Amino acid sequence: MNKEIELVATAGFGLEAIVAREVKRLGYDDVTVENGKVTFKADLAAIPRLNLWLRCADRLLVKLGEFEARSFEELFQGTRALPWANWIPRDANFPVEGKSVKSQLFSVSDCQAIVKKAIVEKMKEQYHLQWFPETGPRYTIEVALLKDIATLTIDTSGAGLHKRGYRKLSAPAPLKETLAAALIDLSFWDSERILIDPFCGSGTIPIEAAMIGLNIAPGLNRQFAAEKWPIIPTRLWSTARDEAHKLIKRGQKLRIRGTDIDKEVLSLARYHARQAGVAEHIHFQQASISNLRSSDKYGCIICNPPYGERLEDKVSVEKLYREMGEVLKALDSWSIYVLTAHQKFESLYGRPADRRRKLYNGRIQCNYYQFYGPRPPQRK
């Protein structure tokens, strides 16, 4: 299949424009941005490339079709009309997932059952079989109903794209890798400047920054569901991985620091950095925000400090934010970026942000407060 296909990169709320920018940077210009997703036209080779390179998207889906469905009959017939056998082999394992928002067909389980039945009927017709063993590669199908419009997709990623492969151990309330990459993308940081995360936890922001600075494809050390699909030649995956290896900036020198008061979580951060292959580019240190110093004139602070969601933590967190404001006054030519759910952060910090952006850390609604420092002078 060499013809053009339609792909969907799903995105967390507030990250759609960033994902669209990523897709365009990778060479795909026919982009439509909607809530929670970016849709665009591409070829089969895009599936390996985008799975390897998308830093801020959640998943990459193949869009099979979209149609109005106000009844189960319309859902069945619309699904049955799609070219399932072009994608799904006769031994495929094809579970159906679903969601429904503001639609007459509100029973997700019933919609899943109808879609599964319609696909089986279409495949019986195509393959001249009455039964399918489902012992082969996995093709996770989703039926998404929004205002009576059904969209049918197949997931190419498998595990979510935030699972880079380097975080083998868990820490309390970890920041998703995709969100960390987005925080960096929204900053003015580049590989020539120092970057500090004074609340680094298990190291996600420093590690993602190092991978960006070294141009390491985030999916380079993991596998994807579509790698087992017969429709995508193995050579396309090999070509995409070879290209990614060649594009790594192996001689790049980075100055990235991660500090935290928790000694145990820092050991996780160092382990994760080794797993990601970026340990030599990040200096992790046990320290509190009050010890933050730098002789650099220009730099970036990107951080995700505690939010104080529990009542017993609120007083200490508000004290911490006041301390941040005092300590960071000394870095008046730095750019500072803070993600927090605390609604009074600016008043506690002592300065209004130059810009705020609403983002979600999991299910928690946050603001990304952006304080811009002056632009560093151009290097000669």
Protein backbone atom coordinates (compact mmCIF):
# COMPACT_ATOMS: atom_id res chain seq x y z
CA MET A 1 0.00 0.00 0.00
CA ASN A 2 1.78 3.15 -1.23
CA LYS A 3 -1.22 5.43 -1.28
CA GLU A 4 -1.79 8.29 1.10
CA ILE A 5 -3.25 7.41 4.49
CA GLU A 6 -4.77 9.51 7.26
CA LEU A 7 -3.06 9.50 10.65
CA VAL A 8 -4.07 10.90 14.03
CA ALA A 9 -1.59 11.97 16.71
CA THR A 10 -3.49 12.19 19.99
CA ALA A 11 -2.48 14.87 22.49
CA GLY A 12 -3.14 15.92 26.05
CA PHE A 13 -5.36 18.96 26.60
CA GLY A 14 -3.40 22.13 25.76
CA LEU A 15 -0.66 20.28 23.85
CA GLU A 16 -2.40 20.02 20.46
CA ALA A 17 -0.57 22.99 18.91
CA ILE A 18 2.78 21.66 20.11
CA VAL A 19 2.09 18.23 18.59
CA ALA A 20 0.98 19.90 15.33
CA ARG A 21 4.28 21.79 15.29
CA GLU A 22 6.17 18.53 15.79
CA VAL A 23 4.29 16.86 12.93
CA LYS A 24 5.09 19.78 10.62
CA ARG A 25 8.77 19.76 11.63
CA LEU A 26 8.88 16.11 10.60
CA GLY A 27 7.68 17.08 7.12
CA TYR A 28 3.90 16.55 7.16
CA ASP A 29 2.13 19.82 6.33
CA ASP A 30 -1.52 18.91 5.71
CA VAL A 31 -2.44 19.20 9.41
CA THR A 32 -5.82 19.70 11.11
CA VAL A 33 -5.83 20.55 14.83
CA GLU A 34 -8.81 19.57 16.98
CA ASN A 35 -9.41 19.02 20.70
CA GLY A 36 -7.16 16.21 21.83
CA LYS A 37 -5.79 15.30 18.40
CA VAL A 38 -3.92 16.33 15.28
CA THR A 39 -4.99 14.75 11.96
CA PHE A 40 -2.83 14.73 8.83
CA LYS A 41 -2.07 12.89 5.57
CA ALA A 42 1.05 10.78 5.16
CA ASP A 43 2.39 7.49 3.76
CA LEU A 44 3.23 4.16 5.40
CA ALA A 45 6.81 5.27 6.12
CA ALA A 46 5.41 7.95 8.42
CA ILE A 47 4.21 5.34 10.92
CA PRO A 48 7.72 4.25 11.95
CA ARG A 49 9.16 7.78 11.74
CA LEU A 50 6.47 9.44 13.81
CA ASN A 51 6.37 6.73 16.46
CA LEU A 52 10.11 7.15 16.88
CA TRP A 53 10.18 10.96 16.86
CA LEU A 54 6.99 12.37 18.40
CA ARG A 55 7.96 13.71 21.84
CA CYS A 56 4.70 15.28 23.02
CA ALA A 57 1.94 13.12 21.44
CA ASP A 58 0.22 10.32 23.36
CA ARG A 59 -0.37 7.87 20.50
CA LEU A 60 -0.28 7.55 16.71
CA LEU A 61 -3.45 6.13 15.13
CA VAL A 62 -4.48 5.14 11.61
CA LYS A 63 -7.84 6.69 10.77
CA LEU A 64 -10.01 4.17 8.89
CA GLY A 65 -13.09 6.36 8.55
CA GLU A 66 -15.56 8.84 9.96
CA PHE A 67 -19.34 8.95 9.55
CA GLU A 68 -22.58 9.98 11.24
CA ALA A 69 -24.05 7.32 13.55
CA ARG A 70 -27.28 8.07 15.38
CA SER A 71 -28.38 4.42 15.57
CA PHE A 72 -26.72 1.05 16.00
CA GLU A 73 -27.68 0.19 12.43
CA GLU A 74 -25.86 3.27 11.11
CA LEU A 75 -22.84 2.40 13.25
CA PHE A 76 -22.86 -1.19 11.99
CA GLN A 77 -23.22 -0.31 8.31
CA GLY A 78 -20.71 2.56 8.48
CA THR A 79 -18.13 0.31 10.13
CA ARG A 80 -18.78 -2.58 7.74
CA ALA A 81 -18.17 -0.31 4.74
CA LEU A 82 -14.57 0.46 5.77
CA PRO A 83 -11.55 -1.40 4.23
CA TRP A 84 -10.61 -3.49 7.28
CA ALA A 85 -8.99 -6.32 5.31
CA ASN A 86 -6.51 -3.82 3.80
CA TRP A 87 -5.01 -3.48 7.28
CA ILE A 88 -6.00 -6.47 9.39
CA PRO A 89 -4.73 -9.96 8.49
CA ARG A 90 -6.87 -13.05 9.03
CA ASP A 91 -5.05 -14.07 12.24
CA ALA A 92 -5.05 -10.58 13.82
CA ASN A 93 -5.95 -9.96 17.44
CA PHE A 94 -8.32 -6.98 17.14
CA PRO A 95 -9.91 -5.83 20.42
CA VAL A 96 -12.27 -2.87 20.22
CA GLU A 97 -12.15 0.03 22.67
CA GLY A 98 -14.57 2.94 22.76
CA LYS A 99 -15.70 6.29 24.09
CA SER A 100 -18.81 8.41 23.62
CA VAL A 101 -19.28 12.13 24.26
CA LYS A 102 -22.54 14.03 23.66
CA SER A 103 -23.87 11.28 21.36
CA GLN A 104 -27.15 9.41 21.12
CA LEU A 105 -25.20 6.15 21.20
CA PHE A 106 -24.02 6.57 24.77
CA SER A 107 -23.51 2.91 25.74
CA VAL A 108 -19.82 2.37 25.03
CA SER A 109 -19.95 -1.41 25.57
CA ASP A 110 -22.81 -1.76 23.05
CA CYS A 111 -20.92 0.36 20.52
CA GLN A 112 -17.82 -1.78 20.96
CA ALA A 113 -19.84 -4.95 20.37
CA ILE A 114 -21.51 -3.52 17.24
CA VAL A 115 -18.17 -2.42 15.77
CA LYS A 116 -16.56 -5.79 16.49
CA LYS A 117 -19.46 -7.61 14.83
CA ALA A 118 -19.34 -5.33 11.76
CA ILE A 119 -15.58 -5.86 11.32
CA VAL A 120 -15.96 -9.63 11.63
CA GLU A 121 -18.73 -9.63 9.02
CA LYS A 122 -16.57 -7.60 6.62
CA MET A 123 -13.57 -9.89 7.17
CA LYS A 124 -15.71 -13.01 6.62
CA GLU A 125 -16.62 -11.57 3.24
CA GLN A 126 -13.01 -10.67 2.38
CA TYR A 127 -11.24 -13.79 3.67
CA HIS A 128 -14.03 -16.34 3.04
CA LEU A 129 -13.74 -17.59 6.62
CA GLN A 130 -16.36 -18.08 9.32
CA TRP A 131 -14.05 -17.89 12.34
CA PHE A 132 -10.92 -15.89 13.19
CA PRO A 133 -8.41 -17.25 15.74
CA GLU A 134 -7.01 -13.83 16.80
CA THR A 135 -3.61 -15.33 17.59
CA GLY A 136 -1.53 -12.90 15.50
CA PRO A 137 -0.38 -9.25 15.80
CA ARG A 138 -2.43 -6.85 17.88
CA TYR A 139 -4.58 -4.18 16.19
CA THR A 140 -6.33 -2.16 18.88
CA ILE A 141 -9.39 -0.54 17.28
CA GLU A 142 -11.16 2.44 18.81
CA VAL A 143 -14.66 3.70 18.08
CA ALA A 144 -14.90 7.32 19.25
CA LEU A 145 -18.31 8.98 19.16
CA LEU A 146 -18.49 12.75 19.45
CA LYS A 147 -21.77 14.55 18.81
CA ASP A 148 -23.06 11.55 16.81
CA ILE A 149 -19.98 11.39 14.57
CA ALA A 150 -18.16 8.03 14.77
CA THR A 151 -14.41 7.93 14.13
CA LEU A 152 -12.77 4.50 13.67
CA THR A 153 -9.03 4.19 14.23
CA ILE A 154 -6.32 1.55 14.74
CA ASP A 155 -3.55 2.20 17.28
CA THR A 156 -0.03 1.84 15.83
CA SER A 157 1.87 2.63 19.05
CA GLY A 158 0.88 -0.04 21.55
CA ALA A 159 2.08 1.33 24.88
CA GLY A 160 1.61 5.12 25.06
CA LEU A 161 4.38 7.20 23.51
CA HIS A 162 5.31 8.59 26.93
CA LYS A 163 6.85 5.19 27.66
CA ARG A 164 10.31 5.86 26.24
CA GLY A 165 11.82 2.77 27.82
CA TYR A 166 14.21 4.47 30.25
CA ARG A 167 11.92 4.73 33.28
CA LYS A 168 12.07 1.19 34.64
CA LEU A 169 11.48 2.21 38.26
CA SER A 170 8.65 4.36 39.56
CA ALA A 171 8.59 7.37 41.88
CA PRO A 172 5.67 9.11 43.60
CA ALA A 173 3.67 11.39 41.24
CA PRO A 174 6.04 11.21 38.27
CA LEU A 175 5.67 13.76 35.48
CA LYS A 176 4.77 12.15 32.16
CA GLU A 177 7.64 12.21 29.68
CA THR A 178 5.42 13.71 26.96
CA LEU A 179 4.39 16.60 29.23
CA ALA A 180 8.00 17.18 30.33
CA ALA A 181 9.04 17.41 26.66
CA ALA A 182 6.22 19.89 26.03
CA LEU A 183 7.34 22.10 28.94
CA ILE A 184 10.80 22.25 27.37
CA ASP A 185 9.36 22.90 23.91
CA LEU A 186 7.40 25.86 25.29
CA SER A 187 10.53 27.39 26.82
CA PHE A 188 13.28 29.32 25.07
CA TRP A 189 15.90 26.78 26.11
CA ASP A 190 18.43 25.57 23.59
CA SER A 191 21.49 23.37 23.90
CA GLU A 192 23.85 26.36 24.31
CA ARG A 193 22.22 27.46 27.57
CA ILE A 194 22.31 25.98 31.04
CA LEU A 195 19.08 24.36 32.26
CA ILE A 196 18.24 23.72 35.91
CA ASP A 197 15.33 21.80 37.40
CA PRO A 198 15.40 22.47 41.18
CA PHE A 199 12.60 19.93 41.87
CA CYS A 200 13.78 17.20 39.49
CA GLY A 201 12.33 14.18 41.31
CA SER A 202 13.09 11.07 39.27
CA GLY A 203 14.70 13.20 36.55
CA THR A 204 12.11 13.41 33.79
CA ILE A 205 12.63 17.08 32.81
CA PRO A 206 16.47 16.95 32.76
CA ILE A 207 16.44 13.64 30.88
CA GLU A 208 13.94 14.85 28.26
CA ALA A 209 15.98 18.06 27.86
CA ALA A 210 19.15 16.03 27.30
CA MET A 211 17.42 13.88 24.70
CA ILE A 212 16.22 17.04 22.93
CA GLY A 213 19.65 18.67 23.13
CA LEU A 214 21.33 15.56 21.71
CA ASN A 215 18.53 15.03 19.13
CA ILE A 216 17.84 11.50 20.38
CA ALA A 217 14.54 10.16 19.01
CA PRO A 218 12.40 9.47 22.11
CA GLY A 219 11.12 6.13 20.81
CA LEU A 220 14.51 4.77 19.76
CA ASN A 221 14.78 2.23 22.61
CA ARG A 222 11.29 0.72 22.55
CA GLN A 223 8.97 -1.37 20.40
CA PHE A 224 5.64 -0.47 18.79
CA ALA A 225 2.49 -2.47 17.99
CA ALA A 226 2.74 -1.75 14.25
CA GLU A 227 6.21 -3.33 14.01
CA LYS A 228 4.44 -6.69 13.78
CA TRP A 229 1.99 -5.61 11.10
CA PRO A 230 2.58 -7.34 7.73
CA ILE A 231 1.39 -4.25 5.85
CA ILE A 232 4.43 -2.22 6.99
CA PRO A 233 7.66 -3.62 5.49
CA THR A 234 10.43 -4.29 8.02
CA ARG A 235 12.77 -2.14 5.94
CA LEU A 236 10.69 0.96 6.79
CA TRP A 237 11.34 0.41 10.50
CA SER A 238 15.04 -0.28 9.84
CA THR A 239 15.36 2.85 7.70
CA ALA A 240 13.65 5.02 10.33
CA ARG A 241 15.87 3.67 13.12
CA ASP A 242 19.05 4.04 11.04
CA GLU A 243 18.10 7.64 10.28
CA ALA A 244 17.45 8.33 13.97
CA HIS A 245 20.85 6.90 15.00
CA LYS A 246 22.64 9.04 12.40
CA LEU A 247 20.91 12.22 13.56
CA ILE A 248 22.11 11.97 17.18
CA LYS A 249 24.44 14.89 18.02
CA ARG A 250 27.09 12.78 19.69
CA GLY A 251 29.61 15.59 20.12
CA GLN A 252 27.15 18.03 21.68
CA LYS A 253 28.06 19.32 25.14
CA LEU A 254 25.15 20.09 27.46
CA ARG A 255 24.89 21.80 30.84
CA ILE A 256 21.85 20.39 32.62
CA ARG A 257 21.39 20.25 36.39
CA GLY A 258 18.75 18.49 38.42
CA THR A 259 18.45 19.01 42.17
CA ASP A 260 16.06 17.68 44.80
CA ILE A 261 15.97 17.35 48.57
CA ASP A 262 15.13 13.62 48.37
CA LYS A 263 18.26 11.47 48.20
CA GLU A 264 16.38 8.28 47.24
CA VAL A 265 14.51 9.86 44.33
CA LEU A 266 17.81 11.25 43.01
CA SER A 267 19.19 7.72 42.83
CA LEU A 268 16.21 6.90 40.58
CA ALA A 269 16.99 9.96 38.46
CA ARG A 270 20.59 8.85 37.96
CA TYR A 271 19.43 5.33 37.06
CA HIS A 272 16.92 6.66 34.53
CA ALA A 273 19.54 8.95 32.98
CA ARG A 274 21.86 5.96 32.51
CA GLN A 275 19.02 3.98 30.92
CA ALA A 276 18.36 6.88 28.53
CA GLY A 277 22.04 7.15 27.62
CA VAL A 278 22.35 10.77 28.79
CA ALA A 279 23.92 10.42 32.27
CA GLU A 280 27.15 12.22 31.32
CA HIS A 281 25.18 15.32 30.29
CA ILE A 282 23.23 15.81 33.55
CA HIS A 283 24.54 16.69 37.00
CA PHE A 284 22.18 15.54 39.76
CA GLN A 285 22.68 16.90 43.26
CA GLN A 286 20.85 16.77 46.59
CA ALA A 287 19.99 20.38 47.41
CA SER A 288 17.06 22.61 48.33
CA ILE A 289 15.84 25.60 46.33
CA SER A 290 17.49 27.91 48.88
CA ASN A 291 20.92 26.68 47.71
CA LEU A 292 20.29 27.46 44.04
CA ARG A 293 23.14 29.55 42.61
CA SER A 294 24.68 30.05 39.18
CA SER A 295 27.38 32.27 37.73
CA ASP A 296 25.80 32.01 34.27
CA LYS A 297 24.26 35.23 33.01
CA TYR A 298 21.58 33.51 30.92
CA GLY A 299 19.83 30.22 31.56
CA CYS A 300 16.52 28.42 32.00
CA ILE A 301 14.75 27.01 35.01
CA ILE A 302 12.00 24.53 34.14
CA CYS A 303 10.30 22.83 37.06
CA ASN A 304 7.26 21.03 38.43
CA PRO A 305 7.30 21.81 42.17
CA PRO A 306 4.90 20.32 44.75
CA TYR A 307 1.32 21.61 44.40
CA GLY A 308 0.12 21.36 48.00
CA GLU A 309 -3.09 19.56 47.05
CA ARG A 310 -3.45 17.93 50.44
CA LEU A 311 -4.51 20.33 53.17
CA GLU A 312 -1.63 19.31 55.43
CA ASP A 313 0.90 20.19 52.70
CA LYS A 314 -0.59 23.55 51.70
CA VAL A 315 1.21 25.71 54.28
CA SER A 316 4.66 24.26 53.51
CA VAL A 317 4.11 24.55 49.76
CA GLU A 318 3.06 28.18 50.03
CA LYS A 319 6.18 28.87 52.07
CA LEU A 320 8.21 27.12 49.36
CA TYR A 321 6.72 29.34 46.63
CA ARG A 322 7.62 32.50 48.59
CA GLU A 323 11.15 31.16 48.99
CA MET A 324 11.34 30.46 45.24
CA GLY A 325 10.42 34.08 44.53
CA GLU A 326 13.15 35.38 46.81
CA VAL A 327 15.88 33.00 45.63
CA LEU A 328 15.17 33.42 41.93
CA LYS A 329 15.31 37.22 42.12
CA ALA A 330 19.08 36.81 41.85
CA LEU A 331 18.65 35.16 38.44
CA ASP A 332 16.90 38.18 36.95
CA SER A 333 18.23 37.56 33.44
CA TRP A 334 17.10 33.92 33.38
CA SER A 335 13.89 32.54 31.90
CA ILE A 336 11.82 30.68 34.49
CA TYR A 337 9.01 28.20 33.82
CA VAL A 338 6.87 26.69 36.57
CA LEU A 339 4.06 24.13 36.29
CA THR A 340 1.70 24.07 39.26
CA ALA A 341 -1.96 23.59 40.13
CA HIS A 342 -1.83 26.17 42.94
CA GLN A 343 -4.13 29.04 41.92
CA LYS A 344 -2.27 31.66 44.00
CA PHE A 345 1.22 30.86 42.75
CA GLU A 346 1.94 34.31 41.26
CA SER A 347 0.99 36.23 44.40
CA LEU A 348 3.07 33.87 46.55
CA TYR A 349 6.00 34.00 44.11
CA GLY A 350 5.76 37.79 44.14
CA ARG A 351 5.61 38.46 40.41
CA PRO A 352 3.03 38.11 37.63
CA ALA A 353 3.95 35.73 34.85
CA ASP A 354 4.58 37.05 31.34
CA ARG A 355 2.35 34.27 30.09
CA ARG A 356 0.20 31.45 31.51
CA ARG A 357 -0.83 28.31 29.68
CA LYS A 358 -3.47 25.87 30.92
CA LEU A 359 -2.17 22.27 30.90
CA TYR A 360 -3.16 19.01 32.55
CA ASN A 361 -0.75 16.91 34.61
CA GLY A 362 -2.72 13.67 34.47
CA ARG A 363 -6.18 14.73 35.64
CA ILE A 364 -4.91 17.77 37.54
CA GLN A 365 -5.58 21.13 35.91
CA CYS A 366 -2.44 23.25 36.10
CA ASN A 367 -1.03 26.51 34.82
CA TYR A 368 2.37 26.77 33.19
CA TYR A 369 3.75 30.09 34.41
CA GLN A 370 6.31 31.60 32.05
CA PHE A 371 8.66 34.38 33.18
CA TYR A 372 10.79 35.57 30.28
CA GLY A 373 14.35 36.75 30.74
CA PRO A 374 16.15 38.88 28.12
CA ARG A 375 17.32 37.12 25.00
CA PRO A 376 21.03 36.16 25.23
CA PRO A 377 23.32 38.02 22.82
CA GLN A 378 24.03 36.21 19.54
CA ARG A 379 27.22 34.22 19.51
CA LYS A 380 29.75 35.39 16.93
